[in-house]
Amino acid sequence: MFLEIDNLLTPDEITRLRAIAASSPFTAGRASNPHNISKNNYQIDLASPGYRESSALLLAAYMRNEPFRLFALPKIVAPPMLARYQPGMSYGRHSDEACAIVDGKRMRFDVSSTVFLGDPKASVGGELTIHLGSQPIRIKGHPGSAVVYPSSTIHEVLPLESGERLVAITFIESEVRDPARRGLLYDLNEVYALEGERMEWENRIRLQHVHTCLRRMWAE
């Protein structure tokens, strides 16, 4: 199960992030994952002021977004990082790391997310491709949109043929580590939001009670 968010960023935030990307140094993406020979991209220099500003801007955008919070149930969000692809670059099939040291602390990666910053019409290729069973789903979102999915999902970035692919990525440790349980909680909340006003009050309270108790039972 994955979630697409239409407008995570405002137009002003998109403009600012593009400006940061244009003026900041980038380094080889393999530096953060040297054992993955299929990773061929650039990522913003983590020592640069641009990284700190862009990361703070993106983190604030994530945390104000209610669909993201309800879907991911974030406990810890890793500082988001800008990534750039130029023609010929790609990132082969992989699932994300289970755990990593982030800001000096061990963090579990339950949920991954990509924010799209470039104009999809200005490039060819470079689609984020999520493999669900035998059906690959290709996503090339418009600027400011995001996709959120379990970190265990096999996914890839297809080779970029022309133009530039500019995105931001992050990883989330969720209150609920099991993706099936997170999905059930999300569905229950959606039913409550869509149908709650039509229910008799007692049934509405019972549905809310089930959701709250399950979240309390499964949260870490």
N, C-alpha and C. Protein backbone atom coordinates (compact mmCIF):
# COMPACT_ATOMS: atom_id res chain seq x y z
N MET A 1 0.84 -1.19 0.00
CA MET A 1 0.00 0.00 0.00
C MET A 1 0.88 1.24 0.00
N PHE A 2 0.57 2.19 -0.87
CA PHE A 2 1.32 3.43 -0.86
C PHE A 2 0.35 4.59 -1.01
N LEU A 3 0.84 5.77 -0.67
CA LEU A 3 0.01 6.97 -0.66
C LEU A 3 0.63 8.02 -1.57
N GLU A 4 -0.17 8.63 -2.42
CA GLU A 4 0.26 9.78 -3.21
C GLU A 4 -0.34 11.04 -2.60
N ILE A 5 0.48 12.04 -2.37
CA ILE A 5 0.06 13.32 -1.80
C ILE A 5 0.19 14.36 -2.89
N ASP A 6 -0.88 15.03 -3.20
CA ASP A 6 -0.92 15.91 -4.37
C ASP A 6 -0.10 17.18 -4.17
N ASN A 7 -0.27 17.85 -3.04
CA ASN A 7 0.40 19.14 -2.83
C ASN A 7 1.05 19.18 -1.45
N LEU A 8 2.16 18.48 -1.31
CA LEU A 8 2.90 18.55 -0.06
C LEU A 8 3.55 19.91 0.12
N LEU A 9 4.01 20.49 -0.99
CA LEU A 9 4.73 21.77 -0.96
C LEU A 9 3.91 22.87 -1.60
N THR A 10 4.13 24.10 -1.14
CA THR A 10 3.53 25.27 -1.77
C THR A 10 4.40 25.69 -2.97
N PRO A 11 3.85 26.52 -3.88
CA PRO A 11 4.67 27.00 -5.00
C PRO A 11 5.92 27.74 -4.54
N ASP A 12 5.81 28.54 -3.48
CA ASP A 12 6.98 29.27 -2.98
C ASP A 12 8.04 28.30 -2.45
N GLU A 13 7.62 27.23 -1.81
CA GLU A 13 8.58 26.25 -1.30
C GLU A 13 9.27 25.51 -2.44
N ILE A 14 8.52 25.19 -3.49
CA ILE A 14 9.13 24.55 -4.66
C ILE A 14 10.20 25.46 -5.27
N THR A 15 9.85 26.74 -5.43
CA THR A 15 10.80 27.70 -5.98
C THR A 15 12.06 27.79 -5.13
N ARG A 16 11.89 27.84 -3.81
CA ARG A 16 13.05 27.95 -2.93
C ARG A 16 13.91 26.70 -2.99
N LEU A 17 13.31 25.55 -3.00
CA LEU A 17 14.08 24.30 -3.05
C LEU A 17 14.84 24.17 -4.36
N ARG A 18 14.23 24.60 -5.45
CA ARG A 18 14.94 24.58 -6.73
C ARG A 18 16.14 25.52 -6.69
N ALA A 19 15.97 26.69 -6.06
CA ALA A 19 17.07 27.64 -5.96
C ALA A 19 18.20 27.09 -5.10
N ILE A 20 17.84 26.42 -4.01
CA ILE A 20 18.86 25.80 -3.16
C ILE A 20 19.63 24.74 -3.95
N ALA A 21 18.89 23.92 -4.70
CA ALA A 21 19.54 22.87 -5.49
C ALA A 21 20.49 23.46 -6.53
N ALA A 22 20.10 24.60 -7.10
CA ALA A 22 20.92 25.21 -8.15
C ALA A 22 22.20 25.82 -7.59
N SER A 23 22.19 26.21 -6.31
CA SER A 23 23.35 26.91 -5.75
C SER A 23 24.16 26.07 -4.78
N SER A 24 23.75 24.83 -4.51
CA SER A 24 24.43 24.00 -3.51
C SER A 24 25.29 22.93 -4.17
N PRO A 25 26.37 22.53 -3.52
CA PRO A 25 27.19 21.43 -4.05
C PRO A 25 26.49 20.09 -3.85
N PHE A 26 26.69 19.19 -4.80
CA PHE A 26 26.17 17.83 -4.72
C PHE A 26 27.35 16.86 -4.78
N THR A 27 27.17 15.70 -4.18
CA THR A 27 28.21 14.67 -4.17
C THR A 27 27.63 13.37 -4.73
N ALA A 28 28.48 12.41 -5.00
CA ALA A 28 28.04 11.13 -5.53
C ALA A 28 27.13 10.42 -4.54
N GLY A 29 25.98 9.95 -5.02
CA GLY A 29 25.02 9.28 -4.14
C GLY A 29 25.54 7.99 -3.56
N ARG A 30 26.49 7.35 -4.24
CA ARG A 30 27.05 6.08 -3.74
C ARG A 30 27.70 6.25 -2.37
N ALA A 31 28.06 7.49 -2.01
CA ALA A 31 28.74 7.72 -0.74
C ALA A 31 27.89 7.28 0.44
N SER A 32 26.56 7.39 0.32
CA SER A 32 25.68 7.01 1.42
C SER A 32 25.28 5.55 1.38
N ASN A 33 25.60 4.87 0.27
CA ASN A 33 25.28 3.45 0.15
C ASN A 33 26.30 2.79 -0.78
N PRO A 34 27.57 2.70 -0.34
CA PRO A 34 28.65 2.25 -1.23
C PRO A 34 28.53 0.81 -1.68
N HIS A 35 27.71 0.00 -1.01
CA HIS A 35 27.60 -1.41 -1.36
C HIS A 35 26.57 -1.67 -2.46
N ASN A 36 25.79 -0.64 -2.81
CA ASN A 36 24.78 -0.81 -3.86
C ASN A 36 25.35 -0.31 -5.18
N ILE A 37 25.77 -1.23 -6.03
CA ILE A 37 26.42 -0.85 -7.28
C ILE A 37 25.43 -0.26 -8.28
N SER A 38 24.13 -0.37 -8.02
CA SER A 38 23.13 0.13 -8.96
C SER A 38 22.76 1.58 -8.69
N LYS A 39 23.29 2.16 -7.61
CA LYS A 39 22.94 3.54 -7.27
C LYS A 39 23.85 4.49 -8.01
N ASN A 40 23.26 5.29 -8.89
CA ASN A 40 24.02 6.23 -9.72
C ASN A 40 23.26 7.55 -9.78
N ASN A 41 23.52 8.40 -8.80
CA ASN A 41 22.88 9.71 -8.76
C ASN A 41 23.75 10.66 -7.95
N TYR A 42 23.25 11.88 -7.74
CA TYR A 42 23.92 12.85 -6.89
C TYR A 42 23.01 13.20 -5.73
N GLN A 43 23.60 13.54 -4.59
CA GLN A 43 22.82 14.02 -3.45
C GLN A 43 23.48 15.28 -2.91
N ILE A 44 22.68 16.14 -2.31
CA ILE A 44 23.21 17.40 -1.80
C ILE A 44 24.27 17.15 -0.74
N ASP A 45 25.30 17.97 -0.74
CA ASP A 45 26.38 17.85 0.24
C ASP A 45 25.82 18.10 1.63
N LEU A 46 25.96 17.10 2.50
CA LEU A 46 25.36 17.19 3.83
C LEU A 46 26.05 18.22 4.72
N ALA A 47 27.19 18.73 4.30
CA ALA A 47 27.88 19.76 5.07
C ALA A 47 27.51 21.17 4.62
N SER A 48 26.66 21.28 3.62
CA SER A 48 26.35 22.59 3.05
C SER A 48 25.19 23.27 3.77
N PRO A 49 25.19 24.62 3.81
CA PRO A 49 24.03 25.33 4.38
C PRO A 49 22.74 25.01 3.64
N GLY A 50 22.84 24.75 2.34
CA GLY A 50 21.65 24.42 1.56
C GLY A 50 20.97 23.16 2.04
N TYR A 51 21.78 22.18 2.46
CA TYR A 51 21.19 20.95 3.01
C TYR A 51 20.38 21.25 4.25
N ARG A 52 20.94 22.03 5.15
CA ARG A 52 20.23 22.33 6.41
C ARG A 52 18.94 23.09 6.14
N GLU A 53 18.99 24.07 5.26
CA GLU A 53 17.77 24.85 4.97
C GLU A 53 16.72 24.01 4.26
N SER A 54 17.12 23.27 3.24
CA SER A 54 16.15 22.47 2.48
C SER A 54 15.56 21.38 3.36
N SER A 55 16.38 20.77 4.19
CA SER A 55 15.89 19.70 5.06
C SER A 55 14.85 20.22 6.04
N ALA A 56 15.12 21.37 6.64
CA ALA A 56 14.16 21.95 7.59
C ALA A 56 12.86 22.33 6.90
N LEU A 57 12.96 22.88 5.70
CA LEU A 57 11.75 23.26 4.94
C LEU A 57 10.91 22.04 4.62
N LEU A 58 11.55 20.99 4.15
CA LEU A 58 10.83 19.77 3.77
C LEU A 58 10.23 19.07 4.99
N LEU A 59 10.98 19.02 6.08
CA LEU A 59 10.47 18.38 7.29
C LEU A 59 9.22 19.08 7.79
N ALA A 60 9.22 20.42 7.78
CA ALA A 60 8.04 21.17 8.21
C ALA A 60 6.85 20.87 7.31
N ALA A 61 7.10 20.74 6.00
CA ALA A 61 6.02 20.44 5.05
C ALA A 61 5.42 19.07 5.33
N TYR A 62 6.27 18.08 5.60
CA TYR A 62 5.76 16.75 5.93
C TYR A 62 4.90 16.78 7.18
N MET A 63 5.39 17.42 8.21
CA MET A 63 4.73 17.33 9.51
C MET A 63 3.43 18.13 9.58
N ARG A 64 3.24 19.07 8.68
CA ARG A 64 1.96 19.79 8.68
C ARG A 64 0.91 19.07 7.82
N ASN A 65 1.34 18.03 7.09
CA ASN A 65 0.45 17.37 6.15
C ASN A 65 -0.30 16.22 6.84
N GLU A 66 -1.60 16.36 6.99
CA GLU A 66 -2.38 15.37 7.73
C GLU A 66 -2.41 14.00 7.05
N PRO A 67 -2.61 13.90 5.72
CA PRO A 67 -2.59 12.57 5.10
C PRO A 67 -1.28 11.83 5.36
N PHE A 68 -0.15 12.55 5.32
CA PHE A 68 1.13 11.90 5.62
C PHE A 68 1.16 11.38 7.04
N ARG A 69 0.73 12.20 7.99
CA ARG A 69 0.78 11.79 9.39
C ARG A 69 -0.12 10.58 9.64
N LEU A 70 -1.29 10.56 9.03
CA LEU A 70 -2.22 9.45 9.24
C LEU A 70 -1.73 8.17 8.58
N PHE A 71 -1.04 8.30 7.46
CA PHE A 71 -0.56 7.12 6.73
C PHE A 71 0.71 6.55 7.35
N ALA A 72 1.67 7.42 7.64
CA ALA A 72 2.99 6.96 8.12
C ALA A 72 3.04 6.81 9.63
N LEU A 73 2.18 7.50 10.37
CA LEU A 73 2.23 7.51 11.84
C LEU A 73 3.67 7.75 12.31
N PRO A 74 4.25 8.90 11.93
CA PRO A 74 5.68 9.10 12.14
C PRO A 74 6.08 9.23 13.61
N LYS A 75 7.11 8.51 13.96
CA LYS A 75 7.75 8.61 15.27
C LYS A 75 9.04 9.41 15.14
N ILE A 76 9.81 9.10 14.09
CA ILE A 76 11.02 9.84 13.75
C ILE A 76 11.04 10.00 12.23
N VAL A 77 11.35 11.21 11.77
CA VAL A 77 11.51 11.46 10.34
C VAL A 77 12.96 11.87 10.10
N ALA A 78 13.66 11.12 9.27
CA ALA A 78 15.04 11.46 8.94
C ALA A 78 15.07 12.79 8.19
N PRO A 79 16.12 13.58 8.37
CA PRO A 79 16.21 14.84 7.63
C PRO A 79 16.12 14.60 6.12
N PRO A 80 15.13 15.18 5.44
CA PRO A 80 15.01 14.96 3.99
C PRO A 80 16.24 15.48 3.26
N MET A 81 16.52 14.86 2.11
CA MET A 81 17.74 15.16 1.36
C MET A 81 17.42 15.31 -0.12
N LEU A 82 17.94 16.36 -0.73
CA LEU A 82 17.77 16.57 -2.17
C LEU A 82 18.64 15.59 -2.95
N ALA A 83 18.09 15.07 -4.03
CA ALA A 83 18.83 14.16 -4.91
C ALA A 83 18.60 14.58 -6.36
N ARG A 84 19.63 14.42 -7.16
CA ARG A 84 19.58 14.87 -8.56
C ARG A 84 20.06 13.74 -9.48
N TYR A 85 19.37 13.60 -10.60
CA TYR A 85 19.75 12.64 -11.64
C TYR A 85 19.98 13.41 -12.93
N GLN A 86 21.04 13.05 -13.64
CA GLN A 86 21.31 13.59 -14.97
C GLN A 86 21.21 12.45 -15.98
N PRO A 87 21.16 12.77 -17.28
CA PRO A 87 20.97 11.72 -18.29
C PRO A 87 21.95 10.56 -18.11
N GLY A 88 21.40 9.36 -18.19
CA GLY A 88 22.18 8.14 -18.02
C GLY A 88 22.17 7.61 -16.60
N MET A 89 21.72 8.41 -15.64
CA MET A 89 21.71 7.97 -14.24
C MET A 89 20.44 7.19 -13.91
N SER A 90 20.55 6.33 -12.91
CA SER A 90 19.41 5.52 -12.49
C SER A 90 19.72 4.97 -11.10
N TYR A 91 18.75 4.28 -10.54
CA TYR A 91 18.93 3.60 -9.25
C TYR A 91 18.18 2.28 -9.38
N GLY A 92 18.94 1.18 -9.50
CA GLY A 92 18.35 -0.12 -9.78
C GLY A 92 17.44 -0.64 -8.68
N ARG A 93 16.81 -1.77 -8.96
CA ARG A 93 15.85 -2.36 -8.01
C ARG A 93 16.49 -2.59 -6.65
N HIS A 94 15.76 -2.19 -5.61
CA HIS A 94 16.26 -2.37 -4.25
C HIS A 94 15.12 -2.14 -3.28
N SER A 95 15.30 -2.59 -2.05
CA SER A 95 14.47 -2.13 -0.94
C SER A 95 15.38 -1.36 -0.02
N ASP A 96 14.83 -0.43 0.74
CA ASP A 96 15.66 0.45 1.54
C ASP A 96 16.18 -0.27 2.78
N GLU A 97 17.22 0.30 3.37
CA GLU A 97 17.84 -0.29 4.55
C GLU A 97 16.81 -0.48 5.66
N ALA A 98 17.03 -1.52 6.48
CA ALA A 98 16.14 -1.74 7.62
C ALA A 98 16.39 -0.72 8.72
N CYS A 99 17.67 -0.41 8.96
CA CYS A 99 18.05 0.52 10.02
C CYS A 99 19.27 1.31 9.57
N ALA A 100 19.48 2.46 10.18
CA ALA A 100 20.67 3.26 9.91
C ALA A 100 20.89 4.21 11.08
N ILE A 101 22.10 4.75 11.16
CA ILE A 101 22.40 5.76 12.17
C ILE A 101 22.07 7.12 11.57
N VAL A 102 21.16 7.83 12.18
CA VAL A 102 20.73 9.14 11.71
C VAL A 102 20.92 10.14 12.85
N ASP A 103 21.69 11.17 12.60
CA ASP A 103 22.00 12.17 13.63
C ASP A 103 22.51 11.51 14.91
N GLY A 104 23.34 10.48 14.74
CA GLY A 104 23.97 9.84 15.87
C GLY A 104 23.14 8.81 16.60
N LYS A 105 21.91 8.55 16.11
CA LYS A 105 21.04 7.60 16.77
C LYS A 105 20.55 6.55 15.78
N ARG A 106 20.37 5.34 16.28
CA ARG A 106 19.87 4.26 15.42
C ARG A 106 18.40 4.49 15.12
N MET A 107 18.06 4.37 13.85
CA MET A 107 16.69 4.61 13.41
C MET A 107 16.26 3.46 12.51
N ARG A 108 15.03 2.99 12.70
CA ARG A 108 14.47 1.94 11.85
C ARG A 108 13.75 2.59 10.67
N PHE A 109 13.97 2.08 9.47
CA PHE A 109 13.30 2.61 8.29
C PHE A 109 12.06 1.76 8.00
N ASP A 110 10.90 2.28 8.36
CA ASP A 110 9.63 1.61 8.09
C ASP A 110 8.96 2.12 6.82
N VAL A 111 9.09 3.42 6.59
CA VAL A 111 8.38 4.09 5.50
C VAL A 111 9.39 4.96 4.76
N SER A 112 9.28 4.98 3.43
CA SER A 112 10.12 5.83 2.59
C SER A 112 9.23 6.82 1.84
N SER A 113 9.84 7.93 1.44
CA SER A 113 9.05 8.92 0.70
C SER A 113 9.92 9.69 -0.28
N THR A 114 9.33 10.04 -1.41
CA THR A 114 9.96 10.86 -2.44
C THR A 114 9.08 12.06 -2.71
N VAL A 115 9.69 13.25 -2.74
CA VAL A 115 9.00 14.48 -3.14
C VAL A 115 9.54 14.89 -4.51
N PHE A 116 8.65 15.19 -5.43
CA PHE A 116 9.05 15.57 -6.79
C PHE A 116 9.16 17.08 -6.89
N LEU A 117 10.27 17.56 -7.47
CA LEU A 117 10.51 19.00 -7.58
C LEU A 117 10.63 19.48 -9.02
N GLY A 118 10.93 18.59 -9.94
CA GLY A 118 11.10 18.97 -11.33
C GLY A 118 9.82 18.85 -12.14
N ASP A 119 9.80 19.52 -13.28
CA ASP A 119 8.67 19.44 -14.20
C ASP A 119 8.75 18.11 -14.95
N PRO A 120 7.76 17.23 -14.81
CA PRO A 120 7.84 15.92 -15.47
C PRO A 120 7.87 16.02 -16.99
N LYS A 121 7.37 17.14 -17.55
CA LYS A 121 7.37 17.30 -19.00
C LYS A 121 8.74 17.70 -19.54
N ALA A 122 9.64 18.09 -18.64
CA ALA A 122 10.95 18.57 -19.07
C ALA A 122 12.01 17.47 -19.08
N SER A 123 11.59 16.24 -18.84
CA SER A 123 12.55 15.13 -18.84
C SER A 123 11.90 13.88 -19.43
N VAL A 124 12.73 12.96 -19.85
CA VAL A 124 12.27 11.67 -20.37
C VAL A 124 12.92 10.58 -19.53
N GLY A 125 12.11 9.63 -19.05
CA GLY A 125 12.62 8.57 -18.19
C GLY A 125 12.70 9.05 -16.75
N GLY A 126 13.39 8.28 -15.92
CA GLY A 126 13.57 8.66 -14.53
C GLY A 126 12.38 8.42 -13.63
N GLU A 127 11.44 7.58 -14.06
CA GLU A 127 10.26 7.34 -13.23
C GLU A 127 10.61 6.52 -11.98
N LEU A 128 10.06 6.91 -10.85
CA LEU A 128 10.09 6.05 -9.68
C LEU A 128 9.16 4.88 -9.97
N THR A 129 9.69 3.67 -9.85
CA THR A 129 8.90 2.49 -10.19
C THR A 129 8.82 1.59 -8.97
N ILE A 130 7.59 1.40 -8.49
CA ILE A 130 7.33 0.58 -7.31
C ILE A 130 6.80 -0.76 -7.79
N HIS A 131 7.41 -1.84 -7.33
CA HIS A 131 7.03 -3.18 -7.77
C HIS A 131 6.10 -3.81 -6.73
N LEU A 132 4.85 -3.96 -7.11
CA LEU A 132 3.85 -4.59 -6.24
C LEU A 132 3.46 -5.91 -6.90
N GLY A 133 4.01 -7.01 -6.39
CA GLY A 133 3.80 -8.29 -7.05
C GLY A 133 4.43 -8.26 -8.43
N SER A 134 3.67 -8.62 -9.44
CA SER A 134 4.19 -8.63 -10.81
C SER A 134 3.86 -7.34 -11.56
N GLN A 135 3.26 -6.38 -10.86
CA GLN A 135 2.80 -5.17 -11.53
C GLN A 135 3.66 -3.96 -11.14
N PRO A 136 4.55 -3.48 -12.02
CA PRO A 136 5.31 -2.27 -11.71
C PRO A 136 4.44 -1.03 -11.87
N ILE A 137 4.53 -0.13 -10.91
CA ILE A 137 3.77 1.12 -10.96
C ILE A 137 4.77 2.26 -11.13
N ARG A 138 4.66 2.98 -12.24
CA ARG A 138 5.60 4.06 -12.54
C ARG A 138 4.98 5.40 -12.11
N ILE A 139 5.76 6.18 -11.38
CA ILE A 139 5.27 7.44 -10.84
C ILE A 139 6.25 8.55 -11.21
N LYS A 140 5.73 9.59 -11.81
CA LYS A 140 6.51 10.77 -12.15
C LYS A 140 5.66 11.97 -11.79
N GLY A 141 5.71 12.34 -10.52
CA GLY A 141 4.78 13.32 -9.99
C GLY A 141 5.06 14.74 -10.44
N HIS A 142 4.04 15.58 -10.32
CA HIS A 142 4.22 16.99 -10.63
C HIS A 142 4.93 17.69 -9.46
N PRO A 143 5.49 18.88 -9.68
CA PRO A 143 6.25 19.54 -8.64
C PRO A 143 5.43 19.76 -7.36
N GLY A 144 6.03 19.39 -6.24
CA GLY A 144 5.38 19.55 -4.94
C GLY A 144 4.60 18.35 -4.47
N SER A 145 4.43 17.35 -5.33
CA SER A 145 3.72 16.14 -4.93
C SER A 145 4.70 15.15 -4.32
N ALA A 146 4.14 14.16 -3.62
CA ALA A 146 4.98 13.17 -2.94
C ALA A 146 4.33 11.80 -3.00
N VAL A 147 5.14 10.78 -2.85
CA VAL A 147 4.65 9.41 -2.72
C VAL A 147 5.29 8.82 -1.47
N VAL A 148 4.49 8.06 -0.73
CA VAL A 148 4.92 7.47 0.54
C VAL A 148 4.62 5.98 0.48
N TYR A 149 5.59 5.14 0.85
CA TYR A 149 5.42 3.69 0.68
C TYR A 149 6.29 2.95 1.69
N PRO A 150 5.97 1.68 1.99
CA PRO A 150 6.79 0.91 2.93
C PRO A 150 8.23 0.78 2.43
N SER A 151 9.20 0.92 3.32
CA SER A 151 10.60 0.86 2.94
C SER A 151 11.00 -0.53 2.45
N SER A 152 10.22 -1.53 2.81
CA SER A 152 10.50 -2.90 2.38
C SER A 152 10.08 -3.16 0.93
N THR A 153 9.36 -2.23 0.33
CA THR A 153 8.90 -2.40 -1.04
C THR A 153 10.07 -2.34 -2.02
N ILE A 154 10.12 -3.28 -2.96
CA ILE A 154 11.14 -3.22 -4.01
C ILE A 154 10.77 -2.10 -4.98
N HIS A 155 11.73 -1.21 -5.21
CA HIS A 155 11.48 -0.07 -6.10
C HIS A 155 12.77 0.31 -6.81
N GLU A 156 12.66 1.17 -7.79
CA GLU A 156 13.82 1.62 -8.56
C GLU A 156 13.52 2.96 -9.22
N VAL A 157 14.56 3.60 -9.68
CA VAL A 157 14.43 4.79 -10.52
C VAL A 157 14.94 4.41 -11.90
N LEU A 158 14.06 4.46 -12.89
CA LEU A 158 14.45 4.06 -14.24
C LEU A 158 15.48 5.02 -14.83
N PRO A 159 16.28 4.57 -15.78
CA PRO A 159 17.30 5.44 -16.38
C PRO A 159 16.70 6.73 -16.91
N LEU A 160 17.36 7.84 -16.60
CA LEU A 160 16.93 9.14 -17.12
C LEU A 160 17.53 9.31 -18.51
N GLU A 161 16.67 9.54 -19.50
CA GLU A 161 17.13 9.65 -20.88
C GLU A 161 17.52 11.08 -21.25
N SER A 162 16.77 12.05 -20.75
CA SER A 162 17.09 13.45 -21.04
C SER A 162 16.50 14.33 -19.95
N GLY A 163 17.04 15.55 -19.83
CA GLY A 163 16.57 16.48 -18.82
C GLY A 163 17.23 16.21 -17.48
N GLU A 164 16.53 16.58 -16.41
CA GLU A 164 17.04 16.40 -15.05
C GLU A 164 15.92 15.90 -14.15
N ARG A 165 16.26 15.03 -13.25
CA ARG A 165 15.32 14.57 -12.22
C ARG A 165 15.77 15.15 -10.89
N LEU A 166 14.94 16.02 -10.29
CA LEU A 166 15.24 16.62 -8.99
C LEU A 166 14.15 16.22 -8.01
N VAL A 167 14.56 15.58 -6.94
CA VAL A 167 13.62 15.09 -5.94
C VAL A 167 14.21 15.31 -4.55
N ALA A 168 13.40 15.03 -3.55
CA ALA A 168 13.89 14.93 -2.18
C ALA A 168 13.42 13.60 -1.62
N ILE A 169 14.24 12.99 -0.79
CA ILE A 169 13.88 11.69 -0.21
C ILE A 169 14.01 11.75 1.31
N THR A 170 13.24 10.92 1.98
CA THR A 170 13.37 10.77 3.41
C THR A 170 12.89 9.40 3.84
N PHE A 171 13.15 9.07 5.10
CA PHE A 171 12.76 7.78 5.68
C PHE A 171 12.13 8.03 7.04
N ILE A 172 11.18 7.18 7.39
CA ILE A 172 10.40 7.40 8.60
C ILE A 172 10.40 6.15 9.46
N GLU A 173 10.65 6.32 10.75
CA GLU A 173 10.37 5.27 11.72
C GLU A 173 8.96 5.52 12.23
N SER A 174 8.09 4.56 12.04
CA SER A 174 6.69 4.70 12.37
C SER A 174 6.40 4.25 13.79
N GLU A 175 5.34 4.78 14.37
CA GLU A 175 4.86 4.28 15.66
C GLU A 175 4.46 2.81 15.54
N VAL A 176 4.02 2.42 14.34
CA VAL A 176 3.56 1.05 14.08
C VAL A 176 4.45 0.48 12.97
N ARG A 177 5.31 -0.47 13.32
CA ARG A 177 6.30 -0.92 12.34
C ARG A 177 5.71 -1.81 11.25
N ASP A 178 4.64 -2.53 11.54
CA ASP A 178 4.09 -3.49 10.58
C ASP A 178 3.25 -2.76 9.53
N PRO A 179 3.57 -2.88 8.23
CA PRO A 179 2.83 -2.15 7.21
C PRO A 179 1.37 -2.57 7.09
N ALA A 180 1.07 -3.85 7.35
CA ALA A 180 -0.32 -4.29 7.28
C ALA A 180 -1.15 -3.62 8.38
N ARG A 181 -0.59 -3.52 9.56
CA ARG A 181 -1.30 -2.86 10.66
C ARG A 181 -1.47 -1.36 10.39
N ARG A 182 -0.42 -0.73 9.86
CA ARG A 182 -0.55 0.68 9.49
C ARG A 182 -1.65 0.87 8.46
N GLY A 183 -1.71 -0.06 7.49
CA GLY A 183 -2.75 0.04 6.48
C GLY A 183 -4.15 -0.10 7.05
N LEU A 184 -4.33 -1.01 7.99
CA LEU A 184 -5.63 -1.17 8.63
C LEU A 184 -6.03 0.08 9.40
N LEU A 185 -5.09 0.67 10.12
CA LEU A 185 -5.39 1.89 10.87
C LEU A 185 -5.75 3.03 9.93
N TYR A 186 -5.03 3.12 8.81
CA TYR A 186 -5.33 4.16 7.83
C TYR A 186 -6.73 3.97 7.25
N ASP A 187 -7.07 2.73 6.90
CA ASP A 187 -8.40 2.46 6.33
C ASP A 187 -9.50 2.75 7.34
N LEU A 188 -9.31 2.35 8.58
CA LEU A 188 -10.31 2.64 9.61
C LEU A 188 -10.51 4.14 9.77
N ASN A 189 -9.42 4.88 9.74
CA ASN A 189 -9.53 6.33 9.89
C ASN A 189 -10.25 6.95 8.69
N GLU A 190 -9.98 6.40 7.49
CA GLU A 190 -10.66 6.90 6.30
C GLU A 190 -12.17 6.63 6.36
N VAL A 191 -12.54 5.45 6.82
CA VAL A 191 -13.97 5.14 6.96
C VAL A 191 -14.62 6.09 7.96
N TYR A 192 -13.92 6.31 9.07
CA TYR A 192 -14.45 7.22 10.09
C TYR A 192 -14.63 8.63 9.53
N ALA A 193 -13.63 9.10 8.76
CA ALA A 193 -13.70 10.45 8.21
C ALA A 193 -14.80 10.58 7.15
N LEU A 194 -14.98 9.54 6.32
CA LEU A 194 -15.93 9.62 5.22
C LEU A 194 -17.36 9.29 5.62
N GLU A 195 -17.52 8.38 6.57
CA GLU A 195 -18.85 7.89 6.90
C GLU A 195 -19.32 8.26 8.30
N GLY A 196 -18.40 8.78 9.11
CA GLY A 196 -18.74 9.03 10.50
C GLY A 196 -19.94 9.92 10.70
N GLU A 197 -20.09 10.95 9.89
CA GLU A 197 -21.21 11.88 10.05
C GLU A 197 -22.56 11.22 9.77
N ARG A 198 -22.56 10.13 9.01
CA ARG A 198 -23.82 9.46 8.67
C ARG A 198 -24.19 8.37 9.67
N MET A 199 -23.25 8.02 10.52
CA MET A 199 -23.51 6.95 11.49
C MET A 199 -24.30 7.47 12.68
N GLU A 200 -25.00 6.54 13.29
CA GLU A 200 -25.56 6.87 14.59
C GLU A 200 -24.41 7.12 15.56
N TRP A 201 -24.64 8.00 16.52
CA TRP A 201 -23.56 8.44 17.40
C TRP A 201 -22.87 7.26 18.10
N GLU A 202 -23.63 6.30 18.58
CA GLU A 202 -23.04 5.18 19.32
C GLU A 202 -22.11 4.36 18.42
N ASN A 203 -22.53 4.14 17.16
CA ASN A 203 -21.68 3.38 16.24
C ASN A 203 -20.42 4.16 15.87
N ARG A 204 -20.58 5.47 15.76
CA ARG A 204 -19.42 6.31 15.46
C ARG A 204 -18.39 6.23 16.59
N ILE A 205 -18.86 6.29 17.81
CA ILE A 205 -17.97 6.20 18.96
C ILE A 205 -17.30 4.83 19.02
N ARG A 206 -18.04 3.78 18.69
CA ARG A 206 -17.47 2.43 18.72
C ARG A 206 -16.37 2.29 17.66
N LEU A 207 -16.59 2.84 16.48
CA LEU A 207 -15.58 2.78 15.43
C LEU A 207 -14.32 3.53 15.85
N GLN A 208 -14.52 4.72 16.41
CA GLN A 208 -13.37 5.49 16.89
C GLN A 208 -12.63 4.74 18.00
N HIS A 209 -13.40 4.08 18.86
CA HIS A 209 -12.82 3.32 19.96
C HIS A 209 -11.94 2.18 19.42
N VAL A 210 -12.43 1.47 18.41
CA VAL A 210 -11.64 0.37 17.83
C VAL A 210 -10.33 0.91 17.25
N HIS A 211 -10.41 2.00 16.50
CA HIS A 211 -9.21 2.59 15.91
C HIS A 211 -8.21 3.00 16.99
N THR A 212 -8.68 3.67 18.01
CA THR A 212 -7.80 4.15 19.08
C THR A 212 -7.17 2.99 19.84
N CYS A 213 -7.94 1.97 20.12
CA CYS A 213 -7.42 0.83 20.88
C CYS A 213 -6.39 0.05 20.06
N LEU A 214 -6.62 -0.12 18.77
CA LEU A 214 -5.67 -0.82 17.92
C LEU A 214 -4.36 -0.03 17.82
N ARG A 215 -4.49 1.28 17.67
CA ARG A 215 -3.27 2.09 17.60
C ARG A 215 -2.49 2.00 18.91
N ARG A 216 -3.18 2.05 20.02
CA ARG A 216 -2.52 1.94 21.31
C ARG A 216 -1.87 0.54 21.48
N MET A 217 -2.53 -0.48 20.99
CA MET A 217 -2.03 -1.85 21.11
C MET A 217 -0.77 -2.06 20.27
N TRP A 218 -0.75 -1.45 19.06
CA TRP A 218 0.33 -1.72 18.12
C TRP A 218 1.46 -0.71 18.17
N ALA A 219 1.24 0.43 18.78
CA ALA A 219 2.27 1.47 18.79
C ALA A 219 3.45 1.08 19.66
N GLU A 220 4.62 1.54 19.26
CA GLU A 220 5.85 1.29 20.02
C GLU A 220 6.41 2.58 20.57
